[in-house]
Amino acid sequence: MNYTEQKKTGYQSKTAVSVLTAATILAFAGVLFSDFLPGPFGGYANQRLLLVLLSGFLVVSSVLLLARSALASQQSLAFAIVPAALLAVSFPVLSLSFSGQPFVWVEPAMYAVYFMAIGLAGLCLAHSGSAERYAALLVSIAAVGCFFYGGMTINVYLFTLTDKVENLVNFIPWGFVNIRYWSHIATWLIPLLPLAVLVGPLKRHRLWRFAVALGAGIWWWVIFLSAARGSALGILFGTMLALVLLGRHALPWFKVFLQYLVTGAVLWLVLSVLIPSLMFDEVQIRSIQTDSSGRLPLFVEAWQMSLKNFPFGMGPQAWLTHEPLTEGYRTGPKFGHPHNMYLMWAAEYGWILLLALAVWAGQAIRSFWRKRAAIRSEGGADSGLLLAGFTASVSAALFHAGVSAVFMAPGSMLVGLFVFICFFGLIQTPVSNISPSGKMVCGTRRRGMVLVLVGVLSVTWLAWAREVWQYHQAMIEDQIYYQEHALGGTLPRFWFHGNFPRRPEQMPRLSRP
């Protein structure tokens, strides 16, 4: 590689990292500190709109960056992107037969753009050779965000004690419309926090290490305080999987992980037991439920939905609009989703979609196994640590998605977007930019094709954003009628008032704006 080509590759690497870092900071600010940010629609809707903005932007910018890199190995590039593209395309393709329904494209397009953004941006990171650099920045951003969120949590805690509030769970965690939406974020971030003191330029600074440990301890305390079973089980699963797969390479990460866990347990004893016992006659501790919390009837209903139109599903948002199939769901409490992302996708898009998801997962496992073998043979302490932390994070979230709306809540999707991008950037093998003849492959015809592709993607993105905005306006108009007549409570889904559209008899005014 000559000097000009090295300079171009370095520029592309810096561009990819800069774009992703700026987007990451914006996403984390919008998720963790939505209460302090301006926006007329409320935190939930603002996060959804931010997801539309960032995921679409990442798709378009990633195509441009990949085109500029002029990758010579087209077969390797195609192999890397085909599984993600297959999964992304499956959502709208499986929705075609339901195109006459209102706002049918809003959710399929969201998932299509989301998974394409992961695939393309992850590929950019891998082939620019900047995945580890961005990973160090991502965990630093996460650590800073968790520290400041933790500091504000202690502030809220002190105010609750001053006001003689015994049940802290009514106020902590703060900043989320639902306590479990915070737990989604914890599932993604807690496995990453040990990396902040193991990699990067600040890892030897005592003040930095103390701040990260304090922030992580507070987040663990909130998990214990809120009895977040899904997060706890997901993180346990991800941690054990990382240890089993990476062995000694994961041990330094695991030791710090245990230190933060113990810190959280000590904080829980002090803040949730000792101090309240000195101030109140009775200490209220949220118990860990051992039942399904009403999820089992939802799982059964979603399973029956997936079989009703096997293997194609009942259509986007069919969970909201379908007539109940099982007596348990008909007579039980209703939610905007079945608390299981895989069953929801099977119910609405069919088992064909889960097959595409399995192909995507299979490619990820294959790439992971190659990366693992390379780390074992070549060494590389930072590479092993990063892979351990991100493997634990992604695995924890995928586990948690089996019992909660991890890939429906906008805050979780925003954080998960960048964690997934980094994970796929870490596990993929870079492809050389040099063709066998030593020339960069980038002709006028190819540039024209890229411009056409970018144009089509941009128009599609804007059309989807317009549909999302129309959906939001229709949902706002429906809120008053729903509160006065449907009396079903708030069922968050795409929007916080997520039970829209719903069954026809509950919507006499159903029409597109």
Protein backbone atom coordinates (compact mmCIF):
# COMPACT_ATOMS: atom_id res chain seq x y z
CA MET A 1 0.00 0.00 0.00
CA ASN A 2 1.55 3.30 -1.07
CA TYR A 3 1.48 6.55 0.90
CA THR A 4 -1.57 7.96 -0.92
CA GLU A 5 -3.60 4.84 -0.28
CA GLN A 6 -2.50 4.73 3.38
CA LYS A 7 -3.54 8.35 3.77
CA LYS A 8 -6.93 7.66 2.19
CA THR A 9 -7.53 4.63 4.41
CA GLY A 10 -6.57 6.62 7.50
CA TYR A 11 -8.92 9.42 6.50
CA GLN A 12 -11.77 6.96 6.02
CA SER A 13 -11.04 5.39 9.42
CA LYS A 14 -11.14 8.79 11.14
CA THR A 15 -14.34 9.70 9.32
CA ALA A 16 -16.10 6.48 10.32
CA VAL A 17 -15.10 6.87 13.96
CA SER A 18 -15.98 10.56 14.05
CA VAL A 19 -19.43 10.02 12.55
CA LEU A 20 -20.21 7.12 14.89
CA THR A 21 -18.87 8.91 17.96
CA ALA A 22 -20.97 12.02 17.33
CA ALA A 23 -24.07 9.86 16.74
CA THR A 24 -23.32 7.84 19.89
CA ILE A 25 -23.08 10.92 22.10
CA LEU A 26 -26.36 12.24 20.68
CA ALA A 27 -28.09 8.88 21.25
CA PHE A 28 -26.84 8.43 24.83
CA ALA A 29 -27.82 11.99 25.73
CA GLY A 30 -31.29 11.41 24.28
CA VAL A 31 -31.72 8.17 26.21
CA LEU A 32 -30.22 8.91 29.62
CA PHE A 33 -31.07 12.60 29.96
CA SER A 34 -34.29 13.00 27.99
CA ASP A 35 -35.86 14.87 30.93
CA PHE A 36 -33.37 17.71 30.48
CA LEU A 37 -33.44 17.96 26.69
CA PRO A 38 -35.81 20.21 24.75
CA GLY A 39 -38.55 18.54 22.76
CA PRO A 40 -42.30 19.04 22.54
CA PHE A 41 -43.29 15.38 22.24
CA GLY A 42 -42.03 13.79 25.46
CA GLY A 43 -39.05 11.53 26.04
CA TYR A 44 -40.51 8.37 24.47
CA ALA A 45 -41.54 10.05 21.22
CA ASN A 46 -38.33 12.10 21.07
CA GLN A 47 -36.28 8.92 21.35
CA ARG A 48 -38.29 7.25 18.59
CA LEU A 49 -37.79 10.22 16.29
CA LEU A 50 -34.08 10.23 17.16
CA LEU A 51 -33.93 6.54 16.25
CA VAL A 52 -35.48 7.33 12.86
CA LEU A 53 -32.95 10.10 12.30
CA LEU A 54 -29.81 8.24 13.37
CA SER A 55 -30.53 4.82 11.88
CA GLY A 56 -31.40 6.32 8.48
CA PHE A 57 -28.36 8.59 8.59
CA LEU A 58 -26.07 5.65 9.39
CA VAL A 59 -27.37 3.63 6.45
CA VAL A 60 -26.76 6.44 3.95
CA SER A 61 -23.40 7.54 5.39
CA SER A 62 -22.15 3.94 5.64
CA VAL A 63 -22.90 3.31 1.96
CA LEU A 64 -20.92 6.43 1.06
CA LEU A 65 -17.97 5.41 3.25
CA LEU A 66 -17.91 1.87 1.89
CA ALA A 67 -18.02 3.19 -1.68
CA ARG A 68 -15.12 5.55 -1.00
CA SER A 69 -13.02 2.71 0.36
CA ALA A 70 -13.22 1.05 -3.08
CA LEU A 71 -13.04 -2.45 -1.67
CA ALA A 72 -11.48 -4.81 -4.18
CA SER A 73 -12.79 -7.99 -2.61
CA GLN A 74 -16.40 -7.72 -3.75
CA GLN A 75 -17.20 -11.33 -2.88
CA SER A 76 -16.09 -10.88 0.72
CA LEU A 77 -18.03 -7.63 0.94
CA ALA A 78 -21.17 -9.30 -0.40
CA PHE A 79 -20.84 -12.22 1.98
CA ALA A 80 -20.51 -9.85 4.91
CA ILE A 81 -23.57 -7.75 4.10
CA VAL A 82 -26.00 -10.32 2.61
CA PRO A 83 -27.26 -11.82 5.92
CA ALA A 84 -27.99 -8.38 7.40
CA ALA A 85 -29.63 -7.28 4.13
CA LEU A 86 -31.71 -10.47 4.02
CA LEU A 87 -32.98 -9.87 7.55
CA ALA A 88 -33.67 -6.20 6.85
CA VAL A 89 -35.54 -6.85 3.60
CA SER A 90 -37.61 -9.63 5.19
CA PHE A 91 -39.58 -7.15 7.29
CA PRO A 92 -41.07 -5.10 4.41
CA VAL A 93 -41.33 -8.07 2.02
CA LEU A 94 -43.36 -10.08 4.52
CA SER A 95 -45.57 -7.02 5.01
CA LEU A 96 -46.52 -6.62 1.33
CA SER A 97 -49.73 -8.63 1.59
CA PHE A 98 -50.94 -6.29 4.35
CA SER A 99 -50.20 -3.05 2.49
CA GLY A 100 -53.83 -1.90 2.65
CA GLN A 101 -53.79 -1.54 6.42
CA PRO A 102 -53.20 1.87 8.05
CA PHE A 103 -49.58 2.80 8.82
CA VAL A 104 -48.46 -0.65 7.78
CA TRP A 105 -44.92 0.37 6.82
CA VAL A 106 -43.91 2.22 9.99
CA GLU A 107 -42.61 -0.72 12.02
CA PRO A 108 -41.30 -2.93 9.17
CA ALA A 109 -39.28 0.01 7.87
CA MET A 110 -37.96 0.70 11.36
CA TYR A 111 -36.57 -2.81 11.67
CA ALA A 112 -35.32 -2.84 8.08
CA VAL A 113 -33.36 0.39 8.52
CA TYR A 114 -32.20 -0.64 12.00
CA PHE A 115 -30.63 -3.92 10.95
CA MET A 116 -29.19 -2.43 7.74
CA ALA A 117 -27.57 0.31 9.82
CA ILE A 118 -26.00 -2.34 12.06
CA GLY A 119 -24.73 -4.37 9.12
CA LEU A 120 -23.37 -1.48 7.06
CA ALA A 121 -21.86 0.57 9.89
CA GLY A 122 -20.30 -2.56 11.41
CA LEU A 123 -18.77 -3.32 8.02
CA CYS A 124 -17.39 0.22 7.82
CA LEU A 125 -15.71 -0.17 11.18
CA ALA A 126 -14.22 -3.55 10.31
CA HIS A 127 -12.84 -2.54 6.93
CA SER A 128 -11.51 0.80 8.11
CA GLY A 129 -9.61 -1.00 10.87
CA SER A 130 -11.10 1.31 13.50
CA ALA A 131 -13.41 -1.05 15.41
CA GLU A 132 -11.24 -1.22 18.53
CA ARG A 133 -10.70 2.54 18.55
CA TYR A 134 -14.43 3.18 18.35
CA ALA A 135 -15.08 0.48 20.99
CA ALA A 136 -12.82 2.31 23.46
CA LEU A 137 -14.67 5.56 22.75
CA LEU A 138 -18.06 3.88 23.10
CA VAL A 139 -17.32 2.40 26.51
CA SER A 140 -15.90 5.76 27.66
CA ILE A 141 -19.10 7.52 26.55
CA ALA A 142 -21.15 4.85 28.33
CA ALA A 143 -19.07 5.25 31.51
CA VAL A 144 -19.46 9.04 31.51
CA GLY A 145 -23.20 8.76 30.89
CA CYS A 146 -23.65 6.18 33.66
CA PHE A 147 -21.63 8.29 36.11
CA PHE A 148 -23.69 11.43 35.59
CA TYR A 149 -26.95 9.49 35.55
CA GLY A 150 -25.82 7.82 38.77
CA GLY A 151 -24.99 11.18 40.32
CA MET A 152 -28.46 12.47 39.50
CA THR A 153 -29.91 9.25 40.94
CA ILE A 154 -28.22 9.94 44.27
CA ASN A 155 -29.65 13.46 44.11
CA VAL A 156 -33.15 12.04 43.59
CA TYR A 157 -32.52 9.59 46.43
CA LEU A 158 -31.66 12.40 48.84
CA PHE A 159 -34.80 14.32 47.90
CA THR A 160 -36.96 11.25 48.47
CA LEU A 161 -35.46 10.78 51.93
CA THR A 162 -36.00 14.46 52.73
CA ASP A 163 -39.66 14.09 51.71
CA LYS A 164 -40.01 10.95 53.85
CA VAL A 165 -40.73 8.73 50.85
CA GLU A 166 -40.41 5.09 51.88
CA ASN A 167 -40.93 3.42 48.49
CA LEU A 168 -37.93 4.53 46.44
CA VAL A 169 -39.04 2.59 43.35
CA ASN A 170 -41.68 5.25 42.69
CA PHE A 171 -38.86 7.68 41.89
CA ILE A 172 -35.83 5.55 41.04
CA PRO A 173 -34.89 4.85 38.32
CA TRP A 174 -35.86 8.27 36.97
CA GLY A 175 -36.13 9.63 33.42
CA PHE A 176 -37.97 6.65 31.90
CA VAL A 177 -41.71 6.22 31.32
CA ASN A 178 -41.46 2.65 32.58
CA ILE A 179 -39.08 1.16 35.12
CA ARG A 180 -38.29 -1.74 32.79
CA TYR A 181 -37.16 0.56 30.00
CA TRP A 182 -34.31 1.62 32.25
CA SER A 183 -33.49 -2.05 32.85
CA HIS A 184 -33.07 -2.55 29.08
CA ILE A 185 -30.35 0.11 29.10
CA ALA A 186 -28.70 -1.50 32.12
CA THR A 187 -28.59 -4.83 30.29
CA TRP A 188 -26.68 -3.26 27.41
CA LEU A 189 -24.30 -1.09 29.45
CA ILE A 190 -23.34 -2.86 32.67
CA PRO A 191 -21.22 -5.53 30.89
CA LEU A 192 -19.38 -2.74 29.05
CA LEU A 193 -18.43 -0.62 32.06
CA PRO A 194 -15.45 -2.78 33.18
CA LEU A 195 -13.87 -2.12 29.77
CA ALA A 196 -13.67 1.60 30.54
CA VAL A 197 -10.85 0.95 33.04
CA LEU A 198 -9.16 -1.79 31.01
CA VAL A 199 -8.75 -0.12 27.60
CA GLY A 200 -8.24 3.44 26.42
CA PRO A 201 -5.92 6.26 27.44
CA LEU A 202 -7.61 6.92 30.82
CA LYS A 203 -7.37 3.40 32.20
CA ARG A 204 -4.48 4.24 34.57
CA HIS A 205 -5.99 7.43 36.01
CA ARG A 206 -7.21 6.83 39.56
CA LEU A 207 -9.94 9.47 39.42
CA TRP A 208 -11.32 7.95 36.22
CA ARG A 209 -11.27 4.45 37.70
CA PHE A 210 -13.05 5.68 40.83
CA ALA A 211 -15.72 7.52 38.80
CA VAL A 212 -16.40 4.48 36.62
CA ALA A 213 -16.61 2.17 39.65
CA LEU A 214 -18.99 4.56 41.44
CA GLY A 215 -21.24 4.89 38.39
CA ALA A 216 -21.28 1.12 37.83
CA GLY A 217 -21.99 0.49 41.52
CA ILE A 218 -24.95 2.87 41.46
CA TRP A 219 -26.38 1.14 38.38
CA TRP A 220 -26.05 -2.23 40.10
CA TRP A 221 -27.76 -0.73 43.16
CA VAL A 222 -30.71 0.36 41.01
CA ILE A 223 -30.95 -3.16 39.56
CA PHE A 224 -31.18 -4.57 43.10
CA LEU A 225 -33.55 -1.79 44.19
CA SER A 226 -35.95 -2.32 41.27
CA ALA A 227 -35.61 -6.12 41.26
CA ALA A 228 -34.88 -6.10 37.53
CA ARG A 229 -35.04 -9.86 36.92
CA GLY A 230 -34.70 -9.64 33.15
CA SER A 231 -31.53 -7.57 33.40
CA ALA A 232 -30.01 -9.70 36.14
CA LEU A 233 -30.64 -12.97 34.31
CA GLY A 234 -29.56 -11.53 30.97
CA ILE A 235 -26.31 -10.14 32.38
CA LEU A 236 -25.63 -13.44 34.17
CA PHE A 237 -26.19 -15.34 30.92
CA GLY A 238 -23.99 -12.97 28.91
CA THR A 239 -21.22 -13.05 31.49
CA MET A 240 -21.14 -16.84 31.72
CA LEU A 241 -21.19 -17.14 27.93
CA ALA A 242 -18.27 -14.72 27.55
CA LEU A 243 -16.26 -16.64 30.17
CA VAL A 244 -16.97 -20.00 28.55
CA LEU A 245 -16.15 -18.81 25.03
CA LEU A 246 -13.11 -16.65 25.76
CA GLY A 247 -11.67 -18.23 28.91
CA ARG A 248 -8.55 -16.57 30.28
CA HIS A 249 -8.85 -13.65 27.84
CA ALA A 250 -12.04 -12.61 29.67
CA LEU A 251 -10.70 -13.01 33.22
CA PRO A 252 -9.41 -9.42 33.73
CA TRP A 253 -12.78 -8.11 32.52
CA PHE A 254 -14.63 -10.55 34.78
CA LYS A 255 -12.61 -9.52 37.85
CA VAL A 256 -13.56 -5.86 37.39
CA PHE A 257 -17.15 -6.93 36.66
CA LEU A 258 -17.26 -8.71 40.06
CA GLN A 259 -15.79 -5.67 41.81
CA TYR A 260 -18.57 -3.49 40.42
CA LEU A 261 -21.18 -6.07 41.38
CA VAL A 262 -19.90 -6.12 44.99
CA THR A 263 -19.86 -2.31 45.01
CA GLY A 264 -23.50 -2.32 43.94
CA ALA A 265 -24.42 -4.82 46.66
CA VAL A 266 -22.71 -2.68 49.33
CA LEU A 267 -24.50 0.44 48.07
CA TRP A 268 -27.80 -1.44 48.21
CA LEU A 269 -27.19 -2.45 51.83
CA VAL A 270 -26.31 1.12 52.79
CA LEU A 271 -28.82 3.09 50.69
CA SER A 272 -31.78 0.70 50.64
CA VAL A 273 -31.49 -1.02 54.03
CA LEU A 274 -29.27 0.77 56.56
CA ILE A 275 -30.20 4.43 55.99
CA PRO A 276 -33.97 3.82 55.53
CA SER A 277 -34.03 1.66 58.67
CA LEU A 278 -32.64 4.62 60.63
CA MET A 279 -35.22 7.01 59.21
CA PHE A 280 -38.39 4.92 58.92
CA ASP A 281 -40.20 2.41 61.09
CA GLU A 282 -40.36 -0.10 58.27
CA VAL A 283 -37.99 -0.69 55.36
CA GLN A 284 -39.68 -1.40 52.02
CA ILE A 285 -37.66 -3.76 49.85
CA ARG A 286 -38.99 -4.76 46.47
CA SER A 287 -39.23 -8.54 46.34
CA ILE A 288 -38.11 -10.61 43.38
CA GLN A 289 -41.12 -12.27 41.79
CA THR A 290 -40.81 -15.94 40.96
CA ASP A 291 -43.82 -16.15 38.64
CA SER A 292 -44.13 -15.11 34.99
CA SER A 293 -45.70 -11.70 35.86
CA GLY A 294 -48.57 -12.43 33.50
CA ARG A 295 -46.29 -13.15 30.56
CA LEU A 296 -47.23 -16.80 29.99
CA PRO A 297 -50.72 -16.07 28.52
CA LEU A 298 -49.06 -13.49 26.24
CA PHE A 299 -46.49 -16.06 25.08
CA VAL A 300 -49.25 -18.58 24.34
CA GLU A 301 -51.26 -15.99 22.41
CA ALA A 302 -48.25 -14.97 20.33
CA TRP A 303 -47.45 -18.63 19.64
CA GLN A 304 -50.98 -19.25 18.40
CA MET A 305 -50.78 -16.14 16.23
CA SER A 306 -47.57 -17.43 14.65
CA LEU A 307 -49.33 -20.67 13.68
CA LYS A 308 -52.54 -19.10 12.38
CA ASN A 309 -51.00 -17.92 9.11
CA PHE A 310 -47.90 -20.12 9.21
CA PRO A 311 -45.21 -19.32 8.16
CA PHE A 312 -46.06 -15.73 7.13
CA GLY A 313 -47.54 -14.22 10.29
CA MET A 314 -50.60 -12.02 10.75
CA GLY A 315 -49.06 -8.73 9.64
CA PRO A 316 -47.34 -5.70 11.19
CA GLN A 317 -48.90 -4.54 14.46
CA ALA A 318 -51.32 -7.48 14.34
CA TRP A 319 -50.80 -7.88 18.09
CA LEU A 320 -52.73 -4.63 18.51
CA THR A 321 -55.43 -5.26 15.92
CA HIS A 322 -56.15 -9.01 15.96
CA GLU A 323 -59.06 -10.71 17.67
CA PRO A 324 -57.75 -12.69 20.68
CA LEU A 325 -57.15 -16.36 19.91
CA THR A 326 -56.80 -17.79 23.41
CA GLU A 327 -59.08 -17.44 26.40
CA GLY A 328 -56.19 -16.61 28.72
CA TYR A 329 -55.31 -13.54 26.69
CA ARG A 330 -58.94 -12.58 26.05
CA THR A 331 -59.72 -12.36 29.77
CA GLY A 332 -56.30 -11.27 31.01
CA PRO A 333 -54.44 -7.94 31.07
CA LYS A 334 -53.37 -6.45 27.72
CA PHE A 335 -50.00 -5.07 26.72
CA GLY A 336 -48.66 -3.44 23.57
CA HIS A 337 -46.46 -6.47 22.87
CA PRO A 338 -46.15 -10.05 24.16
CA HIS A 339 -42.96 -9.34 26.18
CA ASN A 340 -41.02 -11.62 23.85
CA MET A 341 -39.49 -10.11 20.72
CA TYR A 342 -38.99 -13.43 18.95
CA LEU A 343 -42.57 -14.57 19.44
CA MET A 344 -43.80 -11.11 18.45
CA TRP A 345 -41.84 -11.23 15.21
CA ALA A 346 -43.07 -14.78 14.55
CA ALA A 347 -46.67 -13.72 15.25
CA GLU A 348 -46.57 -10.62 13.05
CA TYR A 349 -44.01 -11.43 10.34
CA GLY A 350 -43.93 -15.21 10.49
CA TRP A 351 -41.36 -17.89 11.04
CA ILE A 352 -39.71 -16.99 7.75
CA LEU A 353 -38.42 -13.87 9.45
CA LEU A 354 -36.94 -15.90 12.31
CA LEU A 355 -35.21 -18.04 9.71
CA ALA A 356 -33.61 -14.89 8.29
CA LEU A 357 -32.67 -13.89 11.84
CA ALA A 358 -31.06 -17.31 12.33
CA VAL A 359 -28.99 -16.81 9.15
CA TRP A 360 -27.80 -13.45 10.43
CA ALA A 361 -26.97 -14.96 13.84
CA GLY A 362 -25.17 -17.85 12.13
CA GLN A 363 -22.92 -15.45 10.24
CA ALA A 364 -22.19 -13.59 13.49
CA ILE A 365 -21.27 -16.85 15.24
CA ARG A 366 -18.98 -17.83 12.35
CA SER A 367 -17.25 -14.43 12.41
CA PHE A 368 -16.97 -14.55 16.20
CA TRP A 369 -15.35 -17.98 16.06
CA ARG A 370 -12.75 -16.75 13.58
CA LYS A 371 -12.00 -13.70 15.71
CA ARG A 372 -11.71 -15.88 18.80
CA ALA A 373 -9.25 -18.17 17.04
CA ALA A 374 -7.19 -15.18 15.89
CA ILE A 375 -7.03 -13.78 19.43
CA ARG A 376 -5.96 -17.14 20.83
CA SER A 377 -3.21 -17.61 18.25
CA GLU A 378 -1.94 -14.04 17.94
CA GLY A 379 -2.63 -12.72 21.44
CA GLY A 380 -3.78 -9.17 21.90
CA ALA A 381 -4.98 -8.35 25.38
CA ASP A 382 -7.21 -5.43 24.40
CA SER A 383 -8.85 -7.42 21.61
CA GLY A 384 -9.76 -10.23 23.98
CA LEU A 385 -11.10 -7.85 26.62
CA LEU A 386 -13.21 -5.90 24.15
CA LEU A 387 -14.61 -9.06 22.64
CA ALA A 388 -15.50 -10.38 26.11
CA GLY A 389 -17.33 -7.23 27.16
CA PHE A 390 -19.25 -6.75 23.93
CA THR A 391 -20.10 -10.45 23.69
CA ALA A 392 -21.54 -10.32 27.21
CA SER A 393 -23.52 -7.15 26.40
CA VAL A 394 -25.04 -8.41 23.15
CA SER A 395 -25.76 -11.86 24.58
CA ALA A 396 -27.40 -10.34 27.65
CA ALA A 397 -29.64 -8.15 25.50
CA LEU A 398 -30.62 -11.03 23.21
CA PHE A 399 -31.52 -13.11 26.26
CA HIS A 400 -33.46 -10.22 27.82
CA ALA A 401 -35.38 -9.79 24.53
CA GLY A 402 -37.01 -13.15 25.22
CA VAL A 403 -38.92 -11.69 28.16
CA SER A 404 -39.19 -7.98 27.36
CA ALA A 405 -39.45 -5.38 24.58
CA VAL A 406 -35.71 -4.81 24.19
CA PHE A 407 -36.08 -4.29 20.42
CA MET A 408 -39.24 -2.20 20.64
CA ALA A 409 -38.52 0.44 23.30
CA PRO A 410 -36.77 3.33 21.52
CA GLY A 411 -34.19 3.98 24.24
CA SER A 412 -33.04 0.38 24.21
CA MET A 413 -32.94 0.31 20.42
CA LEU A 414 -30.81 3.46 20.32
CA VAL A 415 -28.21 2.15 22.77
CA GLY A 416 -28.33 -1.32 21.22
CA LEU A 417 -27.78 0.13 17.74
CA PHE A 418 -24.28 1.32 18.60
CA VAL A 419 -23.37 -1.66 20.78
CA PHE A 420 -24.35 -3.99 17.94
CA ILE A 421 -22.44 -1.92 15.38
CA CYS A 422 -19.31 -2.11 17.51
CA PHE A 423 -19.72 -5.83 18.15
CA PHE A 424 -20.02 -6.60 14.44
CA GLY A 425 -17.09 -4.33 13.70
CA LEU A 426 -14.98 -6.24 16.22
CA ILE A 427 -15.76 -9.74 14.98
CA GLN A 428 -15.44 -9.17 11.23
CA THR A 429 -12.17 -9.64 9.40
CA PRO A 430 -10.95 -6.59 7.45
CA VAL A 431 -10.76 -6.90 3.65
CA SER A 432 -7.79 -5.42 1.84
CA ASN A 433 -8.44 -2.25 -0.16
CA ILE A 434 -5.93 -3.28 -2.78
CA SER A 435 -6.81 -5.19 -5.91
CA PRO A 436 -4.43 -7.90 -7.21
CA SER A 437 -3.07 -5.46 -9.81
CA GLY A 438 -2.32 -2.90 -7.12
CA LYS A 439 -4.95 -0.41 -8.36
CA MET A 440 -7.94 0.92 -6.49
CA VAL A 441 -11.18 -0.28 -8.04
CA CYS A 442 -13.43 2.77 -8.34
CA GLY A 443 -14.54 3.79 -11.83
CA THR A 444 -16.97 6.39 -13.08
CA ARG A 445 -19.67 3.77 -13.65
CA ARG A 446 -19.38 2.51 -10.12
CA ARG A 447 -19.56 6.03 -8.73
CA GLY A 448 -22.74 6.60 -10.68
CA MET A 449 -24.27 3.40 -9.31
CA VAL A 450 -23.36 4.46 -5.79
CA LEU A 451 -24.97 7.86 -6.25
CA VAL A 452 -28.14 6.22 -7.53
CA LEU A 453 -28.17 3.83 -4.58
CA VAL A 454 -27.63 6.68 -2.10
CA GLY A 455 -30.42 8.63 -3.78
CA VAL A 456 -32.84 5.72 -3.54
CA LEU A 457 -31.93 5.09 0.10
CA SER A 458 -32.32 8.77 0.96
CA VAL A 459 -35.75 9.00 -0.67
CA THR A 460 -36.86 5.81 1.09
CA TRP A 461 -35.60 7.17 4.41
CA LEU A 462 -37.48 10.44 3.94
CA ALA A 463 -40.66 8.60 2.89
CA TRP A 464 -40.45 6.47 6.01
CA ALA A 465 -39.86 9.54 8.19
CA ARG A 466 -42.94 11.17 6.67
CA GLU A 467 -45.00 8.05 7.44
CA VAL A 468 -43.70 8.08 11.02
CA TRP A 469 -44.68 11.73 11.42
CA GLN A 470 -48.18 11.06 10.05
CA TYR A 471 -48.50 8.14 12.45
CA HIS A 472 -47.50 10.36 15.34
CA GLN A 473 -50.07 13.02 14.41
CA ALA A 474 -52.83 10.41 14.06
CA MET A 475 -51.89 8.89 17.41
CA ILE A 476 -52.08 12.31 19.10
CA GLU A 477 -55.55 12.90 17.62
CA ASP A 478 -56.67 9.48 18.82
CA GLN A 479 -55.48 9.89 22.42
CA ILE A 480 -58.54 11.77 23.71
CA TYR A 481 -60.99 9.33 22.14
CA TYR A 482 -59.00 6.36 23.45
CA GLN A 483 -58.87 7.70 27.00
CA GLU A 484 -62.62 8.40 27.02
CA HIS A 485 -63.93 5.28 25.29
CA ALA A 486 -61.40 2.44 25.08
CA LEU A 487 -60.33 2.67 28.73
CA GLY A 488 -57.47 0.25 28.16
CA GLY A 489 -54.65 2.13 29.85
CA THR A 490 -51.38 3.12 28.24
CA LEU A 491 -49.84 0.32 26.17
CA PRO A 492 -46.42 1.51 24.91
CA ARG A 493 -45.42 0.20 21.53
CA PHE A 494 -44.16 2.36 18.65
CA TRP A 495 -45.43 5.38 20.56
CA PHE A 496 -46.13 5.63 24.27
CA HIS A 497 -49.85 5.57 23.42
CA GLY A 498 -49.10 2.38 21.60
CA ASN A 499 -52.57 0.86 21.28
CA PHE A 500 -53.10 2.60 17.94
CA PRO A 501 -54.30 1.29 15.58
CA ARG A 502 -56.34 -1.33 17.43
CA ARG A 503 -59.32 -3.58 16.78
CA PRO A 504 -61.89 -1.96 14.42
CA GLU A 505 -64.74 -1.91 16.95
CA GLN A 506 -62.56 0.25 19.22
CA MET A 507 -61.72 2.66 16.41
CA PRO A 508 -64.87 4.01 14.68
CA ARG A 509 -62.86 6.93 13.32
CA LEU A 510 -59.94 4.93 11.92
CA SER A 511 -58.62 6.73 8.87
CA ARG A 512 -55.34 7.97 7.55
CA PRO A 513 -54.60 11.68 8.05
